PDB file of N, CA and C in Angstrom:
ATOM      1  N   MET A   1     -43.791 -11.454   9.188  1.00  0.00           N
ATOM      2  CA  MET A   1     -43.376 -12.609  10.015  1.00  0.00           C
ATOM      3  C   MET A   1     -44.242 -12.626  11.295  1.00  0.00           C
ATOM      4  N   ILE A   2     -44.682 -11.426  11.826  1.00  0.00           N
ATOM      5  CA  ILE A   2     -45.380 -11.477  12.941  1.00  0.00           C
ATOM      6  C   ILE A   2     -46.912 -12.057  12.583  1.00  0.00           C
ATOM      7  N   SER A   3     -47.471 -11.656  11.431  1.00  0.00           N
ATOM      8  CA  SER A   3     -48.911 -12.091  11.161  1.00  0.00           C
ATOM      9  C   SER A   3     -48.738 -13.421  10.715  1.00  0.00           C
ATOM     10  N   THR A   4     -47.824 -14.017  10.290  1.00  0.00           N
ATOM     11  CA  THR A   4     -47.865 -15.217   9.703  1.00  0.00           C
ATOM     12  C   THR A   4     -47.357 -16.463  10.975  1.00  0.00           C
ATOM     13  N   GLY A   5     -46.977 -15.686  11.894  1.00  0.00           N
ATOM     14  CA  GLY A   5     -46.424 -16.765  13.112  1.00  0.00           C
ATOM     15  C   GLY A   5     -44.921 -17.133  12.866  1.00  0.00           C
ATOM     16  N   LYS A   6     -44.437 -16.557  11.780  1.00  0.00           N
ATOM     17  CA  LYS A   6     -43.036 -17.079  11.383  1.00  0.00           C
ATOM     18  C   LYS A   6     -42.008 -16.333  12.326  1.00  0.00           C
ATOM     19  N   ILE A   7     -42.280 -15.488  13.017  1.00  0.00           N
ATOM     20  CA  ILE A   7     -41.282 -14.642  14.055  1.00  0.00           C
ATOM     21  C   ILE A   7     -40.389 -15.492  14.671  1.00  0.00           C
ATOM     22  N   GLU A   8     -40.957 -16.924  14.983  1.00  0.00           N
ATOM     23  CA  GLU A   8     -40.160 -17.879  15.691  1.00  0.00           C
ATOM     24  C   GLU A   8     -39.018 -18.082  14.916  1.00  0.00           C
ATOM     25  N   ILE A   9     -38.692 -17.763  13.683  1.00  0.00           N
ATOM     26  CA  ILE A   9     -37.350 -17.799  12.964  1.00  0.00           C
ATOM     27  C   ILE A   9     -36.376 -17.255  13.535  1.00  0.00           C
ATOM     28  N   ILE A  10     -36.849 -16.143  14.225  1.00  0.00           N
ATOM     29  CA  ILE A  10     -35.687 -15.296  14.931  1.00  0.00           C
ATOM     30  C   ILE A  10     -35.800 -15.789  16.286  1.00  0.00           C
ATOM     31  N   GLN A  11     -34.495 -16.180  16.547  1.00  0.00           N
ATOM     32  CA  GLN A  11     -34.335 -16.688  17.926  1.00  0.00           C
ATOM     33  C   GLN A  11     -34.108 -15.791  19.109  1.00  0.00           C
ATOM     34  N   ASP A  12     -33.227 -14.849  18.703  1.00  0.00           N
ATOM     35  CA  ASP A  12     -32.965 -13.814  19.555  1.00  0.00           C
ATOM     36  C   ASP A  12     -34.339 -13.074  20.217  1.00  0.00           C
ATOM     37  N   PRO A  13     -34.623 -13.165  21.266  1.00  0.00           N
ATOM     38  CA  PRO A  13     -35.802 -12.459  22.065  1.00  0.00           C
ATOM     39  C   PRO A  13     -35.813 -10.896  21.866  1.00  0.00           C
ATOM     40  N   ASN A  14     -34.605 -10.564  22.124  1.00  0.00           N
ATOM     41  CA  ASN A  14     -34.401  -9.026  21.984  1.00  0.00           C
ATOM     42  C   ASN A  14     -34.704  -8.513  20.710  1.00  0.00           C
ATOM     43  N   LEU A  15     -34.409  -9.245  19.553  1.00  0.00           N
ATOM     44  CA  LEU A  15     -34.624  -9.073  18.289  1.00  0.00           C
ATOM     45  C   LEU A  15     -36.084  -9.055  17.848  1.00  0.00           C
ATOM     46  N   ARG A  16     -36.710  -9.906  18.230  1.00  0.00           N
ATOM     47  CA  ARG A  16     -38.087 -10.337  18.288  1.00  0.00           C
ATOM     48  C   ARG A  16     -38.966  -9.060  18.753  1.00  0.00           C
ATOM     49  N   THR A  17     -38.474  -8.734  20.013  1.00  0.00           N
ATOM     50  CA  THR A  17     -39.038  -7.459  20.614  1.00  0.00           C
ATOM     51  C   THR A  17     -39.040  -6.163  19.734  1.00  0.00           C
ATOM     52  N   LEU A  18     -37.629  -5.997  19.256  1.00  0.00           N
ATOM     53  CA  LEU A  18     -37.383  -4.864  18.350  1.00  0.00           C
ATOM     54  C   LEU A  18     -38.222  -4.905  16.763  1.00  0.00           C
ATOM     55  N   ILE A  19     -38.490  -6.126  16.641  1.00  0.00           N
ATOM     56  CA  ILE A  19     -39.272  -6.158  15.217  1.00  0.00           C
ATOM     57  C   ILE A  19     -40.723  -5.936  15.779  1.00  0.00           C
ATOM     58  N   GLN A  20     -41.373  -6.453  16.612  1.00  0.00           N
ATOM     59  CA  GLN A  20     -42.760  -6.165  17.334  1.00  0.00           C
ATOM     60  C   GLN A  20     -42.924  -4.656  17.579  1.00  0.00           C
ATOM     61  N   GLU A  21     -41.782  -3.918  18.015  1.00  0.00           N
ATOM     62  CA  GLU A  21     -42.034  -2.643  18.530  1.00  0.00           C
ATOM     63  C   GLU A  21     -41.811  -1.716  17.272  1.00  0.00           C
ATOM     64  N   TYR A  22     -41.300  -2.115  16.196  1.00  0.00           N
ATOM     65  CA  TYR A  22     -41.145  -1.268  14.947  1.00  0.00           C
ATOM     66  C   TYR A  22     -42.455  -0.923  14.325  1.00  0.00           C
ATOM     67  N   TYR A  23     -43.222  -1.978  14.232  1.00  0.00           N
ATOM     68  CA  TYR A  23     -44.652  -1.740  13.475  1.00  0.00           C
ATOM     69  C   TYR A  23     -45.473  -0.728  14.267  1.00  0.00           C
ATOM     70  N   PRO A  24     -45.741  -0.748  15.429  1.00  0.00           N
ATOM     71  CA  PRO A  24     -46.513   0.528  15.997  1.00  0.00           C
ATOM     72  C   PRO A  24     -45.824   1.808  15.741  1.00  0.00           C
ATOM     73  N   LYS A  25     -44.363   2.000  15.877  1.00  0.00           N
ATOM     74  CA  LYS A  25     -43.747   3.157  15.513  1.00  0.00           C
ATOM     75  C   LYS A  25     -44.028   3.633  14.150  1.00  0.00           C
ATOM     76  N   ALA A  26     -43.869   2.616  13.174  1.00  0.00           N
ATOM     77  CA  ALA A  26     -44.104   2.999  11.605  1.00  0.00           C
ATOM     78  C   ALA A  26     -45.469   3.523  11.578  1.00  0.00           C
ATOM     79  N   VAL A  27     -46.557   2.958  12.299  1.00  0.00           N
ATOM     80  CA  VAL A  27     -47.866   3.267  12.155  1.00  0.00           C
ATOM     81  C   VAL A  27     -47.880   4.701  12.613  1.00  0.00           C
ATOM     82  N   ASP A  28     -47.467   5.099  13.719  1.00  0.00           N
ATOM     83  CA  ASP A  28     -47.487   6.360  14.308  1.00  0.00           C
ATOM     84  C   ASP A  28     -46.762   7.324  13.382  1.00  0.00           C
ATOM     85  N   PHE A  29     -45.807   6.874  12.714  1.00  0.00           N
ATOM     86  CA  PHE A  29     -44.991   7.886  11.660  1.00  0.00           C
ATOM     87  C   PHE A  29     -45.964   8.045  10.548  1.00  0.00           C
ATOM     88  N   GLN A  30     -46.446   7.064  10.138  1.00  0.00           N
ATOM     89  CA  GLN A  30     -47.557   7.318   9.011  1.00  0.00           C
ATOM     90  C   GLN A  30     -48.691   8.150   9.409  1.00  0.00           C
ATOM     91  N   ASN A  31     -49.192   7.883  10.400  1.00  0.00           N
ATOM     92  CA  ASN A  31     -50.212   8.761  10.992  1.00  0.00           C
ATOM     93  C   ASN A  31     -49.859  10.247  11.075  1.00  0.00           C
ATOM     94  N   PHE A  32     -48.491  10.496  11.610  1.00  0.00           N
ATOM     95  CA  PHE A  32     -47.976  11.879  11.572  1.00  0.00           C
ATOM     96  C   PHE A  32     -48.035  12.724  10.138  1.00  0.00           C
ATOM     97  N   GLN A  33     -47.564  11.664   9.330  1.00  0.00           N
ATOM     98  CA  GLN A  33     -47.432  12.121   7.858  1.00  0.00           C
ATOM     99  C   GLN A  33     -48.699  12.459   7.249  1.00  0.00           C
ATOM    100  N   ASN A  34     -49.598  11.483   7.442  1.00  0.00           N
ATOM    101  CA  ASN A  34     -51.017  11.761   6.804  1.00  0.00           C
ATOM    102  C   ASN A  34     -51.848  12.738   7.561  1.00  0.00           C
ATOM    103  N   THR A  35     -51.783  12.988   8.827  1.00  0.00           N
ATOM    104  CA  THR A  35     -52.519  14.058   9.642  1.00  0.00           C
ATOM    105  C   THR A  35     -51.744  15.522   9.245  1.00  0.00           C
ATOM    106  N   ILE A  36     -50.613  15.448  10.062  1.00  0.00           N
ATOM    107  CA  ILE A  36     -50.120  16.830  10.276  1.00  0.00           C
ATOM    108  C   ILE A  36     -49.594  17.673   8.775  1.00  0.00           C
ATOM    109  N   ILE A  37     -48.829  16.801   8.084  1.00  0.00           N
ATOM    110  CA  ILE A  37     -48.242  17.253   6.884  1.00  0.00           C
ATOM    111  C   ILE A  37     -49.330  17.412   5.810  1.00  0.00           C
ATOM    112  N   LEU A  38     -50.220  16.398   5.527  1.00  0.00           N
ATOM    113  CA  LEU A  38     -51.147  16.683   4.574  1.00  0.00           C
ATOM    114  C   LEU A  38     -52.170  17.923   5.046  1.00  0.00           C
ATOM    115  N   ASN A  39     -52.496  18.047   6.200  1.00  0.00           N
ATOM    116  CA  ASN A  39     -53.262  18.982   6.709  1.00  0.00           C
ATOM    117  C   ASN A  39     -52.716  20.294   6.330  1.00  0.00           C
ATOM    118  N   ASN A  40     -51.354  20.317   6.606  1.00  0.00           N
ATOM    119  CA  ASN A  40     -50.551  21.721   6.374  1.00  0.00           C
ATOM    120  C   ASN A  40     -50.599  22.070   4.872  1.00  0.00           C
ATOM    121  N   MET A  41     -50.446  20.986   4.076  1.00  0.00           N
ATOM    122  CA  MET A  41     -50.288  21.052   2.721  1.00  0.00           C
ATOM    123  C   MET A  41     -51.794  21.579   1.978  1.00  0.00           C
ATOM    124  N   ASN A  42     -52.839  21.110   2.453  1.00  0.00           N
ATOM    125  CA  ASN A  42     -54.266  21.558   2.368  1.00  0.00           C
ATOM    126  C   ASN A  42     -54.360  23.004   2.558  1.00  0.00           C
ATOM    127  N   ASN A  43     -53.902  23.419   3.925  1.00  0.00           N
ATOM    128  CA  ASN A  43     -53.960  24.717   4.244  1.00  0.00           C
ATOM    129  C   ASN A  43     -53.105  25.635   3.483  1.00  0.00           C
ATOM    130  N   TYR A  44     -51.912  25.240   2.982  1.00  0.00           N
ATOM    131  CA  TYR A  44     -50.941  26.005   1.922  1.00  0.00           C
ATOM    132  C   TYR A  44     -51.725  26.136   0.722  1.00  0.00           C
ATOM    133  N   ARG A  45     -52.358  25.156   0.200  1.00  0.00           N
ATOM    134  CA  ARG A  45     -53.063  25.177  -1.189  1.00  0.00           C
ATOM    135  C   ARG A  45     -54.320  26.001  -1.081  1.00  0.00           C
ATOM    136  N   THR A  46     -55.128  25.968  -0.084  1.00  0.00           N
ATOM    137  CA  THR A  46     -56.155  27.092   0.375  1.00  0.00           C
ATOM    138  C   THR A  46     -55.474  28.408   0.498  1.00  0.00           C
ATOM    139  N   ALA A  47     -54.629  28.539   1.119  1.00  0.00           N
ATOM    140  CA  ALA A  47     -54.000  29.777   1.062  1.00  0.00           C
ATOM    141  C   ALA A  47     -53.486  30.454  -0.180  1.00  0.00           C
ATOM    142  N   LEU A  48     -52.944  29.638  -1.038  1.00  0.00           N
ATOM    143  CA  LEU A  48     -52.768  30.069  -2.413  1.00  0.00           C
ATOM    144  C   LEU A  48     -53.927  30.420  -3.245  1.00  0.00           C
ATOM    145  N   PHE A  49     -54.882  29.568  -2.959  1.00  0.00           N
ATOM    146  CA  PHE A  49     -56.197  29.980  -3.750  1.00  0.00           C
ATOM    147  C   PHE A  49     -56.879  30.927  -3.245  1.00  0.00           C
ATOM    148  N   GLU A  50     -56.983  31.304  -2.014  1.00  0.00           N
ATOM    149  CA  GLU A  50     -57.526  32.714  -1.344  1.00  0.00           C
ATOM    150  C   GLU A  50     -56.778  33.681  -1.834  1.00  0.00           C
ATOM    151  N   ASN A  51     -55.713  33.689  -2.046  1.00  0.00           N
ATOM    152  CA  ASN A  51     -54.629  34.898  -2.581  1.00  0.00           C
ATOM    153  C   ASN A  51     -54.590  34.885  -3.960  1.00  0.00           C
ATOM    154  N   ASN A  52     -55.300  34.203  -4.816  1.00  0.00           N
ATOM    155  CA  ASN A  52     -55.397  34.194  -6.234  1.00  0.00           C
ATOM    156  C   ASN A  52     -54.029  33.678  -6.672  1.00  0.00           C
ATOM    157  N   ILE A  53     -53.236  32.790  -6.225  1.00  0.00           N
ATOM    158  CA  ILE A  53     -52.014  32.411  -6.589  1.00  0.00           C
ATOM    159  C   ILE A  53     -52.199  31.124  -7.202  1.00  0.00           C
ATOM    160  N   SER A  54     -51.704  30.771  -8.429  1.00  0.00           N
ATOM    161  CA  SER A  54     -51.632  29.369  -8.944  1.00  0.00           C
ATOM    162  C   SER A  54     -50.673  28.667  -8.257  1.00  0.00           C
ATOM    163  N   SER A  55     -50.907  27.101  -8.036  1.00  0.00           N
ATOM    164  CA  SER A  55     -49.622  26.549  -7.373  1.00  0.00           C
ATOM    165  C   SER A  55     -48.490  26.275  -8.539  1.00  0.00           C
ATOM    166  N   MET A  56     -48.814  26.719  -9.710  1.00  0.00           N
ATOM    167  CA  MET A  56     -47.879  26.416 -10.811  1.00  0.00           C
ATOM    168  C   MET A  56     -47.254  27.876 -11.072  1.00  0.00           C
ATOM    169  N   ASN A  57     -47.522  28.949 -10.252  1.00  0.00           N
ATOM    170  CA  ASN A  57     -47.026  30.425 -10.394  1.00  0.00           C
ATOM    171  C   ASN A  57     -45.418  30.192 -10.651  1.00  0.00           C
ATOM    172  N   GLN A  58     -45.016  30.972 -11.357  1.00  0.00           N
ATOM    173  CA  GLN A  58     -43.613  31.139 -11.817  1.00  0.00           C
ATOM    174  C   GLN A  58     -43.171  32.628 -11.483  1.00  0.00           C
ATOM    175  N   GLY A  59     -44.232  33.541 -11.148  1.00  0.00           N
ATOM    176  CA  GLY A  59     -43.741  34.956 -10.787  1.00  0.00           C
ATOM    177  C   GLY A  59     -43.175  34.983  -9.526  1.00  0.00           C
ATOM    178  N   ASP A  60     -42.409  36.350  -9.336  1.00  0.00           N
ATOM    179  CA  ASP A  60     -41.801  36.628  -8.009  1.00  0.00           C
ATOM    180  C   ASP A  60     -42.712  37.417  -7.269  1.00  0.00           C
ATOM    181  N   PHE A  61     -42.200  37.784  -6.084  1.00  0.00           N
ATOM    182  CA  PHE A  61     -43.308  38.137  -4.889  1.00  0.00           C
ATOM    183  C   PHE A  61     -43.858  39.573  -5.582  1.00  0.00           C
ATOM    184  N   ASN A  62     -42.873  40.269  -6.052  1.00  0.00           N
ATOM    185  CA  ASN A  62     -43.248  41.581  -6.521  1.00  0.00           C
ATOM    186  C   ASN A  62     -44.256  41.666  -7.672  1.00  0.00           C
ATOM    187  N   GLU A  63     -44.424  40.549  -8.523  1.00  0.00           N
ATOM    188  CA  GLU A  63     -45.527  40.322  -9.350  1.00  0.00           C
ATOM    189  C   GLU A  63     -46.811  40.025  -8.792  1.00  0.00           C
ATOM    190  N   ILE A  64     -46.658  39.302  -7.693  1.00  0.00           N
ATOM    191  CA  ILE A  64     -48.029  38.667  -7.167  1.00  0.00           C
ATOM    192  C   ILE A  64     -48.414  39.465  -5.868  1.00  0.00           C
ATOM    193  N   GLN A  65     -47.573  40.305  -5.276  1.00  0.00           N
ATOM    194  CA  GLN A  65     -47.930  40.970  -4.138  1.00  0.00           C
ATOM    195  C   GLN A  65     -49.064  41.984  -4.424  1.00  0.00           C
ATOM    196  N   PRO A  66     -49.334  42.522  -5.482  1.00  0.00           N
ATOM    197  CA  PRO A  66     -50.445  43.488  -5.603  1.00  0.00           C
ATOM    198  C   PRO A  66     -51.919  42.657  -5.680  1.00  0.00           C
ATOM    199  N   ILE A  67     -51.820  41.397  -6.120  1.00  0.00           N
ATOM    200  CA  ILE A  67     -52.951  40.656  -6.005  1.00  0.00           C
ATOM    201  C   ILE A  67     -53.414  40.033  -4.722  1.00  0.00           C
ATOM    202  N   LEU A  68     -52.612  40.154  -3.731  1.00  0.00           N
ATOM    203  CA  LEU A  68     -52.932  38.997  -2.556  1.00  0.00           C
ATOM    204  C   LEU A  68     -54.020  39.603  -1.850  1.00  0.00           C
ATOM    205  N   THR A  69     -54.820  38.706  -1.248  1.00  0.00           N
ATOM    206  CA  THR A  69     -55.881  39.421  -0.637  1.00  0.00           C
ATOM    207  C   THR A  69     -55.960  39.012   0.801  1.00  0.00           C
ATOM    208  N   ASN A  70     -54.919  37.886   1.152  1.00  0.00           N
ATOM    209  CA  ASN A  70     -54.906  37.555   2.745  1.00  0.00           C
ATOM    210  C   ASN A  70     -53.199  37.157   2.675  1.00  0.00           C
ATOM    211  N   PRO A  71     -52.252  38.289   2.715  1.00  0.00           N
ATOM    212  CA  PRO A  71     -50.934  37.974   2.819  1.00  0.00           C
ATOM    213  C   PRO A  71     -50.564  37.199   4.064  1.00  0.00           C
ATOM    214  N   ARG A  72     -51.137  37.772   5.108  1.00  0.00           N
ATOM    215  CA  ARG A  72     -50.692  37.248   6.538  1.00  0.00           C
ATOM    216  C   ARG A  72     -51.055  35.610   6.383  1.00  0.00           C
ATOM    217  N   GLY A  73     -52.257  35.275   6.155  1.00  0.00           N
ATOM    218  CA  GLY A  73     -52.531  33.835   6.096  1.00  0.00           C
ATOM    219  C   GLY A  73     -51.736  33.124   5.143  1.00  0.00           C
ATOM    220  N   LEU A  74     -51.234  33.712   3.942  1.00  0.00           N
ATOM    221  CA  LEU A  74     -50.230  32.956   3.167  1.00  0.00           C
ATOM    222  C   LEU A  74     -48.986  32.794   3.834  1.00  0.00           C
ATOM    223  N   ILE A  75     -48.600  33.776   4.588  1.00  0.00           N
ATOM    224  CA  ILE A  75     -47.221  33.554   5.346  1.00  0.00           C
ATOM    225  C   ILE A  75     -47.393  32.571   6.284  1.00  0.00           C
ATOM    226  N   VAL A  76     -48.498  32.586   7.076  1.00  0.00           N
ATOM    227  CA  VAL A  76     -48.693  31.589   8.136  1.00  0.00           C
ATOM    228  C   VAL A  76     -48.919  30.139   7.572  1.00  0.00           C
ATOM    229  N   ALA A  77     -49.308  30.037   6.428  1.00  0.00           N
ATOM    230  CA  ALA A  77     -49.565  28.702   6.021  1.00  0.00           C
ATOM    231  C   ALA A  77     -48.333  28.055   5.299  1.00  0.00           C
ATOM    232  N   THR A  78     -47.437  29.174   4.779  1.00  0.00           N
ATOM    233  CA  THR A  78     -46.132  28.762   4.178  1.00  0.00           C
ATOM    234  C   THR A  78     -45.282  28.180   5.104  1.00  0.00           C
ATOM    235  N   GLU A  79     -45.134  29.077   6.359  1.00  0.00           N
ATOM    236  CA  GLU A  79     -44.351  28.687   7.463  1.00  0.00           C
ATOM    237  C   GLU A  79     -44.797  27.343   8.184  1.00  0.00           C
ATOM    238  N   ASN A  80     -46.083  27.098   8.150  1.00  0.00           N
ATOM    239  CA  ASN A  80     -46.417  25.912   8.905  1.00  0.00           C
ATOM    240  C   ASN A  80     -45.926  24.820   7.878  1.00  0.00           C
ATOM    241  N   TYR A  81     -46.229  24.795   6.659  1.00  0.00           N
ATOM    242  CA  TYR A  81     -45.980  23.890   5.744  1.00  0.00           C
ATOM    243  C   TYR A  81     -44.447  23.521   5.678  1.00  0.00           C
ATOM    244  N   MET A  82     -43.676  24.546   5.568  1.00  0.00           N
ATOM    245  CA  MET A  82     -42.131  24.464   5.493  1.00  0.00           C
ATOM    246  C   MET A  82     -41.863  23.843   6.999  1.00  0.00           C
ATOM    247  N   TYR A  83     -42.461  24.229   8.170  1.00  0.00           N
ATOM    248  CA  TYR A  83     -42.039  23.757   9.491  1.00  0.00           C
ATOM    249  C   TYR A  83     -42.384  22.124   9.468  1.00  0.00           C
ATOM    250  N   SER A  84     -43.504  21.764   8.968  1.00  0.00           N
ATOM    251  CA  SER A  84     -43.815  20.306   9.068  1.00  0.00           C
ATOM    252  C   SER A  84     -43.197  19.580   8.208  1.00  0.00           C
ATOM    253  N   GLY A  85     -42.756  20.113   7.011  1.00  0.00           N
ATOM    254  CA  GLY A  85     -41.890  19.382   6.156  1.00  0.00           C
ATOM    255  C   GLY A  85     -40.490  19.277   6.730  1.00  0.00           C
ATOM    256  N   ARG A  86     -39.862  20.193   7.412  1.00  0.00           N
ATOM    257  CA  ARG A  86     -38.588  19.902   8.062  1.00  0.00           C
ATOM    258  C   ARG A  86     -38.702  18.836   9.111  1.00  0.00           C
ATOM    259  N   SER A  87     -39.718  18.941   9.892  1.00  0.00           N
ATOM    260  CA  SER A  87     -40.070  17.997  11.072  1.00  0.00           C
ATOM    261  C   SER A  87     -40.133  16.598  10.628  1.00  0.00           C
ATOM    262  N   PHE A  88     -40.683  16.441   9.389  1.00  0.00           N
ATOM    263  CA  PHE A  88     -40.900  15.172   8.610  1.00  0.00           C
ATOM    264  C   PHE A  88     -39.565  14.489   8.238  1.00  0.00           C
ATOM    265  N   LEU A  89     -38.801  15.348   7.715  1.00  0.00           N
ATOM    266  CA  LEU A  89     -37.538  14.933   7.079  1.00  0.00           C
ATOM    267  C   LEU A  89     -36.662  14.740   8.157  1.00  0.00           C
ATOM    268  N   ASN A  90     -36.776  15.535   9.545  1.00  0.00           N
ATOM    269  CA  ASN A  90     -36.068  15.072  10.610  1.00  0.00           C
ATOM    270  C   ASN A  90     -36.219  13.797  11.160  1.00  0.00           C
ATOM    271  N   ALA A  91     -37.595  13.678  11.194  1.00  0.00           N
ATOM    272  CA  ALA A  91     -37.914  12.457  11.693  1.00  0.00           C
ATOM    273  C   ALA A  91     -37.659  11.123  10.845  1.00  0.00           C
ATOM    274  N   LEU A  92     -37.504  11.277   9.625  1.00  0.00           N
ATOM    275  CA  LEU A  92     -37.419  10.241   8.612  1.00  0.00           C
ATOM    276  C   LEU A  92     -35.825   9.820   8.536  1.00  0.00           C
ATOM    277  N   TYR A  93     -35.050  11.009   8.275  1.00  0.00           N
ATOM    278  CA  TYR A  93     -33.689  10.923   7.948  1.00  0.00           C
ATOM    279  C   TYR A  93     -32.630  11.385   8.933  1.00  0.00           C
ATOM    280  N   TYR A  94     -32.955  12.611   9.422  1.00  0.00           N
ATOM    281  CA  TYR A  94     -31.623  13.451   9.991  1.00  0.00           C
ATOM    282  C   TYR A  94     -31.657  13.069  11.838  1.00  0.00           C
ATOM    283  N   ASN A  95     -32.584  13.109  12.270  1.00  0.00           N
ATOM    284  CA  ASN A  95     -32.548  13.042  13.715  1.00  0.00           C
ATOM    285  C   ASN A  95     -31.721  11.722  14.051  1.00  0.00           C
ATOM    286  N   GLU A  96     -31.208  11.655  15.643  1.00  0.00           N
ATOM    287  CA  GLU A  96     -30.682  10.499  16.078  1.00  0.00           C
ATOM    288  C   GLU A  96     -31.339   9.443  15.964  1.00  0.00           C
ATOM    289  N   ASP A  97     -32.589   9.371  16.224  1.00  0.00           N
ATOM    290  CA  ASP A  97     -33.432   8.138  16.391  1.00  0.00           C
ATOM    291  C   ASP A  97     -34.500   8.087  14.923  1.00  0.00           C
ATOM    292  N   SER A  98     -34.006   8.461  13.886  1.00  0.00           N
ATOM    293  CA  SER A  98     -34.782   8.521  12.624  1.00  0.00           C
ATOM    294  C   SER A  98     -35.267   7.153  12.068  1.00  0.00           C
ATOM    295  N   MET A  99     -36.424   7.264  11.444  1.00  0.00           N
ATOM    296  CA  MET A  99     -36.999   5.963  11.013  1.00  0.00           C
ATOM    297  C   MET A  99     -36.069   5.383   9.989  1.00  0.00           C
ATOM    298  N   ILE A 100     -35.282   5.876   9.110  1.00  0.00           N
ATOM    299  CA  ILE A 100     -34.218   5.322   8.216  1.00  0.00           C
ATOM    300  C   ILE A 100     -33.380   4.593   9.170  1.00  0.00           C
ATOM    301  N   LYS A 101     -32.770   5.151  10.285  1.00  0.00           N
ATOM    302  CA  LYS A 101     -31.531   4.678  11.009  1.00  0.00           C
ATOM    303  C   LYS A 101     -32.264   3.463  11.631  1.00  0.00           C
ATOM    304  N   ARG A 102     -33.533   3.522  12.264  1.00  0.00           N
ATOM    305  CA  ARG A 102     -33.927   2.432  12.877  1.00  0.00           C
ATOM    306  C   ARG A 102     -34.157   1.028  12.010  1.00  0.00           C
ATOM    307  N   VAL A 103     -34.698   1.416  10.876  1.00  0.00           N
ATOM    308  CA  VAL A 103     -35.016   0.482   9.804  1.00  0.00           C
ATOM    309  C   VAL A 103     -33.592  -0.039   9.307  1.00  0.00           C
ATOM    310  N   ASN A 104     -32.837   0.613   9.269  1.00  0.00           N
ATOM    311  CA  ASN A 104     -31.434  -0.051   8.641  1.00  0.00           C
ATOM    312  C   ASN A 104     -30.790  -0.714   9.739  1.00  0.00           C
ATOM    313  N   GLU A 105     -30.783  -0.438  10.856  1.00  0.00           N
ATOM    314  CA  GLU A 105     -30.202  -1.113  12.060  1.00  0.00           C
ATOM    315  C   GLU A 105     -31.018  -2.567  12.363  1.00  0.00           C
ATOM    316  N   LEU A 106     -32.121  -2.327  12.191  1.00  0.00           N
ATOM    317  CA  LEU A 106     -33.270  -3.631  12.461  1.00  0.00           C
ATOM    318  C   LEU A 106     -32.893  -4.683  11.042  1.00  0.00           C
ATOM    319  N   ILE A 107     -32.783  -4.217   9.959  1.00  0.00           N
ATOM    320  CA  ILE A 107     -32.490  -4.976   8.925  1.00  0.00           C
ATOM    321  C   ILE A 107     -31.120  -5.509   8.923  1.00  0.00           C
ATOM    322  N   GLY A 108     -30.225  -4.916   9.424  1.00  0.00           N
ATOM    323  CA  GLY A 108     -28.775  -5.582   9.836  1.00  0.00           C
ATOM    324  C   GLY A 108     -28.800  -6.673  10.692  1.00  0.00           C
ATOM    325  N   LYS A 109     -29.611  -6.322  11.910  1.00  0.00           N
ATOM    326  CA  LYS A 109     -29.565  -7.314  12.955  1.00  0.00           C
ATOM    327  C   LYS A 109     -30.382  -8.647  12.514  1.00  0.00           C
ATOM    328  N   ILE A 110     -31.405  -8.419  11.533  1.00  0.00           N
ATOM    329  CA  ILE A 110     -32.104  -9.617  11.121  1.00  0.00           C
ATOM    330  C   ILE A 110     -31.342 -10.158  10.179  1.00  0.00           C
ATOM    331  N   LYS A 111     -30.627  -9.546   9.231  1.00  0.00           N
ATOM    332  CA  LYS A 111     -29.683 -10.145   8.283  1.00  0.00           C
ATOM    333  C   LYS A 111     -28.590 -11.104   9.105  1.00  0.00           C
ATOM    334  N   LYS A 112     -28.092 -10.459  10.239  1.00  0.00           N
ATOM    335  CA  LYS A 112     -27.053 -11.248  11.071  1.00  0.00           C
ATOM    336  C   LYS A 112     -27.689 -12.389  11.641  1.00  0.00           C
ATOM    337  N   GLU A 113     -28.792 -12.362  12.149  1.00  0.00           N
ATOM    338  CA  GLU A 113     -29.531 -13.528  12.709  1.00  0.00           C
ATOM    339  C   GLU A 113     -29.847 -14.639  11.924  1.00  0.00           C
ATOM    340  N   LEU A 114     -30.254 -14.112  10.790  1.00  0.00           N
ATOM    341  CA  LEU A 114     -30.716 -15.256   9.733  1.00  0.00           C
ATOM    342  C   LEU A 114     -29.396 -15.835   9.171  1.00  0.00           C
ATOM    343  N   GLU A 115     -28.242 -15.153   8.981  1.00  0.00           N
ATOM    344  CA  GLU A 115     -26.973 -15.742   8.583  1.00  0.00           C
ATOM    345  C   GLU A 115     -26.298 -16.721   9.539  1.00  0.00           C
ATOM    346  N   SER A 116     -26.607 -16.450  10.881  1.00  0.00           N
ATOM    347  CA  SER A 116     -25.804 -17.337  11.740  1.00  0.00           C
ATOM    348  C   SER A 116     -26.449 -18.647  11.939  1.00  0.00           C
ATOM    349  N   LYS A 117     -27.540 -18.896  11.069  1.00  0.00           N
ATOM    350  CA  LYS A 117     -28.186 -20.228  11.218  1.00  0.00           C
ATOM    351  C   LYS A 117     -27.616 -21.197  10.105  1.00  0.00           C
TER     352      LYS A 117
END
């Protein structure tokens, strides 16, 4: 709507502002996902590789412990990966100002605006 100039369909100036503010927030969220999470995922995979562990490993810790070459690095990479995943899920779904909640509220307001015409 913004790029085509059809934002004028929305009469409520507050709703127009919310729509226009949504896109930079969505880009920021995507950048967070692409940089932090993917970086931590790569670090985790590297730590697995450095410790001679396949990402498809089905063994338990007692089986892989003797082959670990850098257990501390693996622990740190795993903790970072899990923490960033939790942060991503909180930002997307679970916190008070989650992306899903914002999107659903915005969709509801747009529908209401369009139905009132």
